[in-house]
């Protein structure tokens, strides 16, 4: 099990968290202005990058806050977390 460092609550078990999306994928500014296909692409299709990535995570079973996590997707090594650009 991974131990994820929530910037608000400290080190917690991974089962308290929900993965959001890689930080490079931007939510449409006005979801009602995009087509159904574009919205589905945002929600369901991800790059699945290998190596170090910056991701949005939600502490669903804790403080309910979104935050950024720097993680290696191959080794699962966590480099850090912060409350930065998280929404």
PDB file of N, CA and C in Angstrom:
ATOM      1  N   UNK A   1       0.835  -1.178   0.000  1.00  0.00           N
ATOM      2  CA  UNK A   1       0.000   0.000   0.000  1.00  0.00           C
ATOM      3  C   UNK A   1       0.882   1.244   0.000  1.00  0.00           C
ATOM      4  N   UNK A   2       0.474   2.217  -0.800  1.00  0.00           N
ATOM      5  CA  UNK A   2       1.185   3.499  -0.826  1.00  0.00           C
ATOM      6  C   UNK A   2       0.794   4.349   0.372  1.00  0.00           C
ATOM      7  N   UNK A   3       1.729   5.109   0.850  1.00  0.00           N
ATOM      8  CA  UNK A   3       1.450   6.137   1.845  1.00  0.00           C
ATOM      9  C   UNK A   3       1.568   7.467   1.123  1.00  0.00           C
ATOM     10  N   UNK A   4       0.465   8.186   1.061  1.00  0.00           N
ATOM     11  CA  UNK A   4       0.407   9.443   0.317  1.00  0.00           C
ATOM     12  C   UNK A   4       0.446  10.612   1.291  1.00  0.00           C
ATOM     13  N   UNK A   5       1.340  11.581   1.048  1.00  0.00           N
ATOM     14  CA  UNK A   5       1.449  12.730   1.947  1.00  0.00           C
ATOM     15  C   UNK A   5       0.435  13.828   1.599  1.00  0.00           C
ATOM     16  N   UNK A   6      -0.704  13.822   2.249  1.00  0.00           N
ATOM     17  CA  UNK A   6      -1.687  14.886   2.045  1.00  0.00           C
ATOM     18  C   UNK A   6      -1.108  16.172   2.641  1.00  0.00           C
ATOM     19  N   UNK A   7      -1.082  17.276   1.886  1.00  0.00           N
ATOM     20  CA  UNK A   7      -0.518  18.509   2.421  1.00  0.00           C
ATOM     21  C   UNK A   7      -1.354  19.102   3.559  1.00  0.00           C
ATOM     22  N   UNK A   8      -2.566  18.600   3.749  1.00  0.00           N
ATOM     23  CA  UNK A   8      -3.453  19.112   4.793  1.00  0.00           C
ATOM     24  C   UNK A   8      -3.502  18.192   6.017  1.00  0.00           C
ATOM     25  N   UNK A   9      -3.356  16.868   5.799  1.00  0.00           N
ATOM     26  CA  UNK A   9      -3.537  15.889   6.876  1.00  0.00           C
ATOM     27  C   UNK A   9      -2.281  15.093   7.224  1.00  0.00           C
ATOM     28  N   UNK A  10      -1.257  15.164   6.391  1.00  0.00           N
ATOM     29  CA  UNK A  10      -0.061  14.358   6.614  1.00  0.00           C
ATOM     30  C   UNK A  10      -0.129  13.036   5.883  1.00  0.00           C
ATOM     31  N   UNK A  11       0.729  12.112   6.260  1.00  0.00           N
ATOM     32  CA  UNK A  11       0.863  10.821   5.598  1.00  0.00           C
ATOM     33  C   UNK A  11      -0.351   9.932   5.880  1.00  0.00           C
ATOM     34  N   UNK A  12      -0.995   9.444   4.808  1.00  0.00           N
ATOM     35  CA  UNK A  12      -2.204   8.616   4.943  1.00  0.00           C
ATOM     36  C   UNK A  12      -2.149   7.459   3.947  1.00  0.00           C
ATOM     37  N   UNK A  13      -2.937   6.419   4.208  1.00  0.00           N
ATOM     38  CA  UNK A  13      -3.017   5.256   3.317  1.00  0.00           C
ATOM     39  C   UNK A  13      -3.697   5.627   2.004  1.00  0.00           C
ATOM     40  N   UNK A  14      -3.261   4.988   0.920  1.00  0.00           N
ATOM     41  CA  UNK A  14      -3.768   5.304  -0.411  1.00  0.00           C
ATOM     42  C   UNK A  14      -5.269   5.066  -0.570  1.00  0.00           C
ATOM     43  N   UNK A  15      -5.859   4.187   0.232  1.00  0.00           N
ATOM     44  CA  UNK A  15      -7.288   3.912   0.076  1.00  0.00           C
ATOM     45  C   UNK A  15      -8.176   5.076   0.501  1.00  0.00           C
ATOM     46  N   UNK A  16      -7.595   6.139   1.053  1.00  0.00           N
ATOM     47  CA  UNK A  16      -8.356   7.346   1.409  1.00  0.00           C
ATOM     48  C   UNK A  16      -8.457   8.318   0.239  1.00  0.00           C
ATOM     49  N   UNK A  17      -7.744   8.045  -0.862  1.00  0.00           N
ATOM     50  CA  UNK A  17      -7.608   9.011  -1.945  1.00  0.00           C
ATOM     51  C   UNK A  17      -8.235   8.525  -3.244  1.00  0.00           C
ATOM     52  N   UNK A  18      -8.561   9.490  -4.092  1.00  0.00           N
ATOM     53  CA  UNK A  18      -9.064   9.213  -5.442  1.00  0.00           C
ATOM     54  C   UNK A  18      -8.186   9.985  -6.420  1.00  0.00           C
ATOM     55  N   UNK A  19      -7.678   9.269  -7.427  1.00  0.00           N
ATOM     56  CA  UNK A  19      -6.874   9.906  -8.472  1.00  0.00           C
ATOM     57  C   UNK A  19      -7.769  10.804  -9.304  1.00  0.00           C
ATOM     58  N   UNK A  20      -7.285  11.992  -9.619  1.00  0.00           N
ATOM     59  CA  UNK A  20      -8.036  12.919 -10.456  1.00  0.00           C
ATOM     60  C   UNK A  20      -7.604  12.836 -11.906  1.00  0.00           C
ATOM     61  N   UNK A  21      -6.474  13.471 -12.207  1.00  0.00           N
ATOM     62  CA  UNK A  21      -5.995  13.534 -13.587  1.00  0.00           C
ATOM     63  C   UNK A  21      -4.567  14.077 -13.565  1.00  0.00           C
ATOM     64  N   UNK A  22      -3.817  13.803 -14.624  1.00  0.00           N
ATOM     65  CA  UNK A  22      -2.483  14.397 -14.743  1.00  0.00           C
ATOM     66  C   UNK A  22      -2.631  15.914 -14.840  1.00  0.00           C
ATOM     67  N   UNK A  23      -1.705  16.642 -14.257  1.00  0.00           N
ATOM     68  CA  UNK A  23      -1.826  18.103 -14.211  1.00  0.00           C
ATOM     69  C   UNK A  23      -1.743  18.749 -15.585  1.00  0.00           C
ATOM     70  N   UNK A  24      -1.232  18.039 -16.572  1.00  0.00           N
ATOM     71  CA  UNK A  24      -1.125  18.598 -17.915  1.00  0.00           C
ATOM     72  C   UNK A  24      -2.470  18.607 -18.640  1.00  0.00           C
ATOM     73  N   UNK A  25      -3.421  17.836 -18.162  1.00  0.00           N
ATOM     74  CA  UNK A  25      -4.736  17.774 -18.793  1.00  0.00           C
ATOM     75  C   UNK A  25      -5.627  18.831 -18.152  1.00  0.00           C
ATOM     76  N   UNK A  26      -6.055  19.804 -18.932  1.00  0.00           N
ATOM     77  CA  UNK A  26      -6.828  20.934 -18.417  1.00  0.00           C
ATOM     78  C   UNK A  26      -8.318  20.741 -18.675  1.00  0.00           C
ATOM     79  N   UNK A  27      -9.106  20.986 -17.632  1.00  0.00           N
ATOM     80  CA  UNK A  27     -10.557  20.927 -17.744  1.00  0.00           C
ATOM     81  C   UNK A  27     -11.033  22.065 -18.649  1.00  0.00           C
ATOM     82  N   UNK A  28     -12.003  21.799 -19.532  1.00  0.00           N
ATOM     83  CA  UNK A  28     -12.531  22.876 -20.376  1.00  0.00           C
ATOM     84  C   UNK A  28     -13.103  24.007 -19.512  1.00  0.00           C
ATOM     85  N   UNK A  29     -12.822  25.237 -19.884  1.00  0.00           N
ATOM     86  CA  UNK A  29     -13.287  26.397 -19.114  1.00  0.00           C
ATOM     87  C   UNK A  29     -14.810  26.418 -19.020  1.00  0.00           C
ATOM     88  N   UNK A  30     -15.477  26.053 -20.110  1.00  0.00           N
ATOM     89  CA  UNK A  30     -16.937  26.009 -20.132  1.00  0.00           C
ATOM     90  C   UNK A  30     -17.371  24.649 -20.672  1.00  0.00           C
ATOM     91  N   UNK A  31     -17.591  23.676 -19.779  1.00  0.00           N
ATOM     92  CA  UNK A  31     -17.950  22.326 -20.248  1.00  0.00           C
ATOM     93  C   UNK A  31     -19.181  22.283 -21.143  1.00  0.00           C
ATOM     94  N   UNK A  32     -20.099  23.226 -20.976  1.00  0.00           N
ATOM     95  CA  UNK A  32     -21.303  23.216 -21.813  1.00  0.00           C
ATOM     96  C   UNK A  32     -21.012  23.671 -23.241  1.00  0.00           C
ATOM     97  N   UNK A  33     -19.832  24.257 -23.470  1.00  0.00           N
ATOM     98  CA  UNK A  33     -19.483  24.745 -24.804  1.00  0.00           C
ATOM     99  C   UNK A  33     -18.723  23.710 -25.633  1.00  0.00           C
ATOM    100  N   UNK A  34     -18.373  22.564 -25.039  1.00  0.00           N
ATOM    101  CA  UNK A  34     -17.653  21.535 -25.799  1.00  0.00           C
ATOM    102  C   UNK A  34     -18.622  20.430 -26.209  1.00  0.00           C
ATOM    103  N   UNK A  35     -18.237  19.711 -27.237  1.00  0.00           N
ATOM    104  CA  UNK A  35     -19.090  18.613 -27.717  1.00  0.00           C
ATOM    105  C   UNK A  35     -19.054  17.447 -26.724  1.00  0.00           C
ATOM    106  N   UNK A  36     -19.999  16.548 -26.870  1.00  0.00           N
ATOM    107  CA  UNK A  36     -20.022  15.352 -26.031  1.00  0.00           C
ATOM    108  C   UNK A  36     -18.743  14.545 -26.207  1.00  0.00           C
ATOM    109  N   UNK A  37     -18.251  14.467 -27.431  1.00  0.00           N
ATOM    110  CA  UNK A  37     -17.022  13.719 -27.712  1.00  0.00           C
ATOM    111  C   UNK A  37     -15.820  14.356 -27.014  1.00  0.00           C
ATOM    112  N   UNK A  38     -15.736  15.692 -27.038  1.00  0.00           N
ATOM    113  CA  UNK A  38     -14.628  16.384 -26.365  1.00  0.00           C
ATOM    114  C   UNK A  38     -14.704  16.195 -24.849  1.00  0.00           C
ATOM    115  N   UNK A  39     -15.905  16.247 -24.298  1.00  0.00           N
ATOM    116  CA  UNK A  39     -16.078  16.064 -22.856  1.00  0.00           C
ATOM    117  C   UNK A  39     -15.721  14.623 -22.470  1.00  0.00           C
ATOM    118  N   UNK A  40     -16.154  13.650 -23.254  1.00  0.00           N
ATOM    119  CA  UNK A  40     -15.813  12.250 -22.990  1.00  0.00           C
ATOM    120  C   UNK A  40     -14.306  12.046 -23.078  1.00  0.00           C
ATOM    121  N   UNK A  41     -13.655  12.705 -24.036  1.00  0.00           N
ATOM    122  CA  UNK A  41     -12.208  12.612 -24.157  1.00  0.00           C
ATOM    123  C   UNK A  41     -11.529  13.126 -22.890  1.00  0.00           C
ATOM    124  N   UNK A  42     -12.000  14.240 -22.359  1.00  0.00           N
ATOM    125  CA  UNK A  42     -11.414  14.780 -21.131  1.00  0.00           C
ATOM    126  C   UNK A  42     -11.619  13.812 -19.961  1.00  0.00           C
ATOM    127  N   UNK A  43     -12.796  13.253 -19.838  1.00  0.00           N
ATOM    128  CA  UNK A  43     -13.117  12.406 -18.693  1.00  0.00           C
ATOM    129  C   UNK A  43     -12.480  11.024 -18.742  1.00  0.00           C
ATOM    130  N   UNK A  44     -12.430  10.413 -19.917  1.00  0.00           N
ATOM    131  CA  UNK A  44     -12.103   8.991 -19.982  1.00  0.00           C
ATOM    132  C   UNK A  44     -10.794   8.615 -20.665  1.00  0.00           C
ATOM    133  N   UNK A  45     -10.210   9.500 -21.443  1.00  0.00           N
ATOM    134  CA  UNK A  45      -8.995   9.140 -22.170  1.00  0.00           C
ATOM    135  C   UNK A  45      -7.794   9.870 -21.590  1.00  0.00           C
ATOM    136  N   UNK A  46      -6.815   9.099 -21.109  1.00  0.00           N
ATOM    137  CA  UNK A  46      -5.631   9.662 -20.465  1.00  0.00           C
ATOM    138  C   UNK A  46      -4.377   9.137 -21.153  1.00  0.00           C
ATOM    139  N   UNK A  47      -3.297   9.903 -21.033  1.00  0.00           N
ATOM    140  CA  UNK A  47      -2.043   9.534 -21.694  1.00  0.00           C
ATOM    141  C   UNK A  47      -1.371   8.314 -21.078  1.00  0.00           C
ATOM    142  N   UNK A  48      -1.577   8.057 -19.803  1.00  0.00           N
ATOM    143  CA  UNK A  48      -0.933   6.940 -19.103  1.00  0.00           C
ATOM    144  C   UNK A  48       0.592   7.035 -19.228  1.00  0.00           C
ATOM    145  N   UNK A  49       1.127   8.204 -18.900  1.00  0.00           N
ATOM    146  CA  UNK A  49       2.561   8.476 -19.008  1.00  0.00           C
ATOM    147  C   UNK A  49       3.372   7.598 -18.076  1.00  0.00           C
ATOM    148  N   UNK A  50       4.561   7.240 -18.544  1.00  0.00           N
ATOM    149  CA  UNK A  50       5.483   6.467 -17.711  1.00  0.00           C
ATOM    150  C   UNK A  50       6.536   7.409 -17.153  1.00  0.00           C
ATOM    151  N   UNK A  51       6.874   7.210 -15.892  1.00  0.00           N
ATOM    152  CA  UNK A  51       7.900   8.031 -15.266  1.00  0.00           C
ATOM    153  C   UNK A  51       7.308   9.054 -14.313  1.00  0.00           C
ATOM    154  N   UNK A  52       8.066  10.110 -14.066  1.00  0.00           N
ATOM    155  CA  UNK A  52       7.654  11.119 -13.093  1.00  0.00           C
ATOM    156  C   UNK A  52       6.586  12.037 -13.683  1.00  0.00           C
ATOM    157  N   UNK A  53       5.474  12.146 -12.966  1.00  0.00           N
ATOM    158  CA  UNK A  53       4.358  12.989 -13.399  1.00  0.00           C
ATOM    159  C   UNK A  53       3.831  13.787 -12.217  1.00  0.00           C
ATOM    160  N   UNK A  54       3.135  14.859 -12.532  1.00  0.00           N
ATOM    161  CA  UNK A  54       2.457  15.666 -11.517  1.00  0.00           C
ATOM    162  C   UNK A  54       0.965  15.427 -11.720  1.00  0.00           C
ATOM    163  N   UNK A  55       0.277  15.024 -10.638  1.00  0.00           N
ATOM    164  CA  UNK A  55      -1.119  14.593 -10.746  1.00  0.00           C
ATOM    165  C   UNK A  55      -1.993  15.313  -9.719  1.00  0.00           C
ATOM    166  N   UNK A  56      -3.279  15.417 -10.048  1.00  0.00           N
ATOM    167  CA  UNK A  56      -4.265  15.918  -9.093  1.00  0.00           C
ATOM    168  C   UNK A  56      -4.874  14.717  -8.354  1.00  0.00           C
ATOM    169  N   UNK A  57      -4.945  14.823  -7.035  1.00  0.00           N
ATOM    170  CA  UNK A  57      -5.549  13.779  -6.205  1.00  0.00           C
ATOM    171  C   UNK A  57      -6.550  14.434  -5.264  1.00  0.00           C
ATOM    172  N   UNK A  58      -7.574  13.663  -4.869  1.00  0.00           N
ATOM    173  CA  UNK A  58      -8.602  14.132  -3.953  1.00  0.00           C
ATOM    174  C   UNK A  58      -8.562  13.274  -2.696  1.00  0.00           C
ATOM    175  N   UNK A  59      -8.486  13.909  -1.533  1.00  0.00           N
ATOM    176  CA  UNK A  59      -8.486  13.175  -0.261  1.00  0.00           C
ATOM    177  C   UNK A  59      -9.953  12.935   0.137  1.00  0.00           C
ATOM    178  N   UNK A  60     -10.559  11.969  -0.529  1.00  0.00           N
ATOM    179  CA  UNK A  60     -11.999  11.695  -0.410  1.00  0.00           C
ATOM    180  C   UNK A  60     -12.411  11.246   0.990  1.00  0.00           C
ATOM    181  N   UNK A  61     -11.589  10.430   1.644  1.00  0.00           N
ATOM    182  CA  UNK A  61     -11.942   9.911   2.966  1.00  0.00           C
ATOM    183  C   UNK A  61     -11.129  10.603   4.058  1.00  0.00           C
ATOM    184  N   UNK A  62     -10.893  11.866   3.836  1.00  0.00           N
ATOM    185  CA  UNK A  62     -10.138  12.669   4.795  1.00  0.00           C
ATOM    186  C   UNK A  62     -10.642  14.099   4.774  1.00  0.00           C
ATOM    187  N   UNK A  63      -9.766  15.018   4.420  1.00  0.00           N
ATOM    188  CA  UNK A  63     -10.092  16.448   4.468  1.00  0.00           C
ATOM    189  C   UNK A  63     -10.939  16.928   3.287  1.00  0.00           C
ATOM    190  N   UNK A  64     -11.184  16.068   2.295  1.00  0.00           N
ATOM    191  CA  UNK A  64     -11.979  16.389   1.110  1.00  0.00           C
ATOM    192  C   UNK A  64     -11.322  17.437   0.204  1.00  0.00           C
ATOM    193  N   UNK A  65     -10.023  17.652   0.352  1.00  0.00           N
ATOM    194  CA  UNK A  65      -9.311  18.658  -0.434  1.00  0.00           C
ATOM    195  C   UNK A  65      -8.608  18.029  -1.632  1.00  0.00           C
ATOM    196  N   UNK A  66      -8.536  18.786  -2.726  1.00  0.00           N
ATOM    197  CA  UNK A  66      -7.740  18.411  -3.887  1.00  0.00           C
ATOM    198  C   UNK A  66      -6.331  18.924  -3.675  1.00  0.00           C
ATOM    199  N   UNK A  67      -5.334  18.203  -4.201  1.00  0.00           N
ATOM    200  CA  UNK A  67      -3.943  18.635  -4.100  1.00  0.00           C
ATOM    201  C   UNK A  67      -3.142  18.037  -5.238  1.00  0.00           C
ATOM    202  N   UNK A  68      -1.915  18.505  -5.369  1.00  0.00           N
ATOM    203  CA  UNK A  68      -1.015  18.023  -6.420  1.00  0.00           C
ATOM    204  C   UNK A  68      -0.011  17.051  -5.818  1.00  0.00           C
ATOM    205  N   UNK A  69       0.257  15.955  -6.539  1.00  0.00           N
ATOM    206  CA  UNK A  69       1.196  14.933  -6.094  1.00  0.00           C
ATOM    207  C   UNK A  69       2.223  14.702  -7.200  1.00  0.00           C
ATOM    208  N   UNK A  70       3.500  14.707  -6.847  1.00  0.00           N
ATOM    209  CA  UNK A  70       4.570  14.356  -7.780  1.00  0.00           C
ATOM    210  C   UNK A  70       4.919  12.895  -7.529  1.00  0.00           C
ATOM    211  N   UNK A  71       4.738  12.045  -8.576  1.00  0.00           N
ATOM    212  CA  UNK A  71       4.886  10.598  -8.401  1.00  0.00           C
ATOM    213  C   UNK A  71       5.493   9.973  -9.648  1.00  0.00           C
ATOM    214  N   UNK A  72       6.252   8.929  -9.455  1.00  0.00           N
ATOM    215  CA  UNK A  72       6.782   8.142 -10.559  1.00  0.00           C
ATOM    216  C   UNK A  72       5.812   6.994 -10.802  1.00  0.00           C
ATOM    217  N   UNK A  73       5.224   6.927 -11.985  1.00  0.00           N
ATOM    218  CA  UNK A  73       4.204   5.916 -12.266  1.00  0.00           C
ATOM    219  C   UNK A  73       4.785   4.520 -12.469  1.00  0.00           C
ATOM    220  N   UNK A  74       6.081   4.426 -12.664  1.00  0.00           N
ATOM    221  CA  UNK A  74       6.709   3.104 -12.810  1.00  0.00           C
ATOM    222  C   UNK A  74       7.091   2.509 -11.462  1.00  0.00           C
ATOM    223  N   UNK A  75       7.661   3.317 -10.592  1.00  0.00           N
ATOM    224  CA  UNK A  75       8.142   2.813  -9.299  1.00  0.00           C
ATOM    225  C   UNK A  75       7.201   3.137  -8.147  1.00  0.00           C
ATOM    226  N   UNK A  76       6.255   4.029  -8.370  1.00  0.00           N
ATOM    227  CA  UNK A  76       5.320   4.534  -7.357  1.00  0.00           C
ATOM    228  C   UNK A  76       6.017   5.380  -6.289  1.00  0.00           C
ATOM    229  N   UNK A  77       7.256   5.765  -6.546  1.00  0.00           N
ATOM    230  CA  UNK A  77       7.948   6.656  -5.611  1.00  0.00           C
ATOM    231  C   UNK A  77       7.250   8.008  -5.614  1.00  0.00           C
ATOM    232  N   UNK A  78       7.010   8.525  -4.424  1.00  0.00           N
ATOM    233  CA  UNK A  78       6.362   9.826  -4.281  1.00  0.00           C
ATOM    234  C   UNK A  78       7.430  10.845  -3.908  1.00  0.00           C
ATOM    235  N   UNK A  79       7.485  11.922  -4.693  1.00  0.00           N
ATOM    236  CA  UNK A  79       8.485  12.964  -4.489  1.00  0.00           C
ATOM    237  C   UNK A  79       7.967  14.098  -3.608  1.00  0.00           C
ATOM    238  N   UNK A  80       6.657  14.233  -3.488  1.00  0.00           N
ATOM    239  CA  UNK A  80       6.094  15.279  -2.654  1.00  0.00           C
ATOM    240  C   UNK A  80       4.693  15.635  -3.074  1.00  0.00           C
ATOM    241  N   UNK A  81       4.047  16.439  -2.246  1.00  0.00           N
ATOM    242  CA  UNK A  81       2.691  16.900  -2.508  1.00  0.00           C
ATOM    243  C   UNK A  81       2.560  18.332  -2.033  1.00  0.00           C
ATOM    244  N   UNK A  82       1.658  19.060  -2.690  1.00  0.00           N
ATOM    245  CA  UNK A  82       1.389  20.422  -2.252  1.00  0.00           C
ATOM    246  C   UNK A  82      -0.032  20.814  -2.621  1.00  0.00           C
ATOM    247  N   UNK A  83      -0.509  21.851  -1.972  1.00  0.00           N
ATOM    248  CA  UNK A  83      -1.881  22.309  -2.201  1.00  0.00           C
ATOM    249  C   UNK A  83      -1.963  23.224  -3.409  1.00  0.00           C
ATOM    250  N   UNK A  84      -0.856  23.420  -4.114  1.00  0.00           N
ATOM    251  CA  UNK A  84      -0.760  24.315  -5.279  1.00  0.00           C
ATOM    252  C   UNK A  84      -1.948  24.293  -6.199  1.00  0.00           C
ATOM    253  N   UNK A  85      -1.761  24.514  -7.441  1.00  0.00           N
ATOM    254  CA  UNK A  85      -2.801  24.608  -8.459  1.00  0.00           C
ATOM    255  C   UNK A  85      -3.583  23.283  -8.515  1.00  0.00           C
ATOM    256  N   UNK A  86      -4.554  23.126  -7.641  1.00  0.00           N
ATOM    257  CA  UNK A  86      -5.191  21.820  -7.508  1.00  0.00           C
ATOM    258  C   UNK A  86      -6.608  21.726  -8.021  1.00  0.00           C
ATOM    259  N   UNK A  87      -7.267  22.823  -8.235  1.00  0.00           N
ATOM    260  CA  UNK A  87      -8.665  22.743  -8.675  1.00  0.00           C
ATOM    261  C   UNK A  87      -8.781  22.771 -10.178  1.00  0.00           C
TER     262      UNK A  87
END
